[in-house]
Structures are given as C-alpha cells and as structure tokens.
Amino acid sequence: MSQYLKRFSRYLVLLTNALTVGLSGCQEGVFITPPTGQLRSGLNTRSAEENPRFSYDGRYLVFASDRQGKRGIWLYDRHNNGLVALPGLNYQGTRQDQPDISSDGRYIVYVSEQEGKPDIFVYDRLTLVKEQITKNWLGEVRNPTISGNGRLISFESNREGQWDLVIYDRGLNTPLSLPNELPQVTP
C-alpha cells in the first residue's frame, strides 16, 4: 500500500506543478494604452497627465493635463480612441484640475480657479453648462468626487480649520446619469 501512496503522491506533485505552470501563463489583466504610434489619439503627450477617473463602463477616461501650456480637464473616449470636446469647461487663463466623472460620462466635477480661488464646478456634457458648487465658500476646497448618478458631490474643505468632507446634494430635479447597461447578476 505504501508504494501505491508514493506513486499517488508523485502523481499529485506532477499534477500540481503542471497546473501551476499552466496557470502562471494566464493573465488576469493586460495594458491597453495606445502604442507609441497612436499617441496622437490624445491619451498621452509630453506634458503631465494626472488624476485619471473612469466612467462606470470604462468607456470614458477623464483626466487633468498640462498640455497646451495650461492645466486643463480632458476626456478620452476608449471606444473611439480619441479626445472628446468639452466646450466651455476649460476657462482661459486659469487652472482646472482634479476631475471625476459620473457613471455614463454626462457630468464632470472638477476644481477650477476661474473665480480667483479654487472652487468646485460640475459640467454637464449634454447641455454644455457648468455650475459653480462652492460660490462664496469660505475656506479651501479640493478632491471632488461625484456619485454615479450625478446627483451627489463630495469634496474636502478646510472651512472648519481642518480638512473635512462635505457632501452637496444637487437636488431632486437633477437629471440622473445612469450606466447604459447594468451587469447581469447570476444567482
């Protein structure tokens, strides 16, 4: 019986090694950044690209960049492999930074210094309208984020002498930003 166990043991070791070698070749993720030849597509330039945030389905990637000699917000469409125009978002002569995006890519929240100090703005890609959330806000603001449906915005503020979190509700009449397709859950 012991010889049988030895053979079985060796068999298990060989099987385990084969499975380990076979599985180690499998990758869970891959890099899909456009190759160098396609950098004109707008994702990367010789300027700093920072603060990337994806829409719910990964189609849109919003980010901040120093391209064109100023800090601005840019939107990359992975399906079309190119930049999406954001008319009226980047204000001339000022910095726009720290963007986040709603689930379907309709709303972009960001920090802008267009009023002389950092303020939180939300931009609606459908109506091309931007709204200043922190007008007349006392204290500094930074790092905004927007809920998937576009109704809630949160950011950090030092209004009380330390950095705290603030939640802003855009209201019941806010047109919601919803993902195009919800993932199917299997029981």
Foldseek 3Di string as FASTA:
>chain_A
DVVVVVVVVVVVVVVVVVVVVVVVPDDPDDDDPDPPVLCVQPPDDPWDWDQWEAAQVRQKIWIWTCPPNAIDIWIAGPVVSHTDDLPPRDDPPWHWHQWYAARQRQKIWTWICPVPATFIWIAGSVVSDIDTPQVVNPFHWDNKYAYNFRQKIKTWTCNVPDTDIDIDGNDPPDRTHDHPDDDDDDD
